[in-house]
């Protein structure tokens, strides 16, 4: 009963933390050194695809949890 909402909460929390920290990693010259004019486009692409993957994985893992028990 709580499997699907709990998986969604955990995956959303992890993806939000990851998306926020990628912006700092993109601008850091020691890691990616992305030009400040391109950070917004690259960060939004990463966040968009991350949310899509999170939503798909939530459905798949929730379905597996319901089957396995």
Protein backbone atom coordinates (compact mmCIF):
# COMPACT_ATOMS: atom_id res chain seq x y z
CA UNK A 1 0.00 0.00 0.00
CA UNK A 2 2.85 2.38 0.77
CA UNK A 3 5.33 1.03 -1.78
CA UNK A 4 4.55 3.30 -4.73
CA UNK A 5 4.30 6.61 -2.79
CA UNK A 6 7.40 5.73 -0.75
CA UNK A 7 9.43 4.92 -3.88
CA UNK A 8 8.26 8.17 -5.45
CA UNK A 9 9.26 10.20 -2.39
CA UNK A 10 12.72 8.64 -2.22
CA UNK A 11 13.38 8.94 -5.96
CA UNK A 12 12.20 12.55 -5.99
CA UNK A 13 14.40 13.44 -3.03
CA UNK A 14 17.47 11.80 -4.54
CA UNK A 15 16.90 13.30 -7.98
CA UNK A 16 16.32 16.79 -6.52
CA UNK A 17 19.58 16.64 -4.58
CA UNK A 18 21.42 15.32 -7.63
CA UNK A 19 19.95 17.96 -9.94
CA UNK A 20 20.89 20.75 -7.56
CA UNK A 21 24.44 19.55 -7.10
CA UNK A 22 24.98 19.11 -10.86
CA UNK A 23 24.63 22.87 -11.35
CA UNK A 24 27.51 23.45 -8.95
CA UNK A 25 29.55 20.69 -10.61
CA UNK A 26 28.93 22.12 -14.08
CA UNK A 27 30.25 25.53 -13.14
CA UNK A 28 33.24 24.25 -11.13
CA UNK A 29 36.46 24.60 -13.17
CA UNK A 30 37.91 21.46 -11.56
CA UNK A 31 35.14 19.25 -12.95
CA UNK A 32 33.27 20.37 -16.09
CA UNK A 33 34.09 24.09 -16.45
CA UNK A 34 30.98 24.90 -18.48
CA UNK A 35 30.77 28.49 -19.65
CA UNK A 36 28.23 30.49 -17.57
CA UNK A 37 26.18 31.24 -20.68
CA UNK A 38 25.55 27.52 -21.27
CA UNK A 39 24.95 26.30 -17.72
CA UNK A 40 21.20 27.00 -17.80
CA UNK A 41 20.60 25.01 -21.02
CA UNK A 42 22.74 22.06 -19.97
CA UNK A 43 21.34 21.98 -16.42
CA UNK A 44 17.74 22.11 -17.64
CA UNK A 45 18.38 19.28 -20.11
CA UNK A 46 19.90 17.16 -17.34
CA UNK A 47 17.05 17.93 -14.94
CA UNK A 48 14.38 17.27 -17.60
CA UNK A 49 15.76 13.88 -18.57
CA UNK A 50 16.39 13.02 -14.93
CA UNK A 51 12.74 13.65 -14.05
CA UNK A 52 11.55 11.56 -17.00
CA UNK A 53 13.80 8.67 -15.94
CA UNK A 54 12.67 9.01 -12.32
CA UNK A 55 8.99 8.87 -13.28
CA UNK A 56 9.50 5.82 -15.49
CA UNK A 57 11.55 4.02 -12.85
CA UNK A 58 8.90 4.78 -10.23
CA UNK A 59 6.28 3.02 -12.31
CA UNK A 60 8.53 0.06 -13.08
CA UNK A 61 9.86 -0.44 -9.56
CA UNK A 62 6.41 0.09 -8.03
CA UNK A 63 4.99 -2.57 -10.33
CA UNK A 64 7.80 -4.98 -9.40
CA UNK A 65 7.27 -4.31 -5.69
CA UNK A 66 3.58 -5.06 -6.07
CA UNK A 67 4.31 -8.35 -7.81
CA UNK A 68 7.09 -9.50 -5.49
CA UNK A 69 5.27 -8.36 -2.42
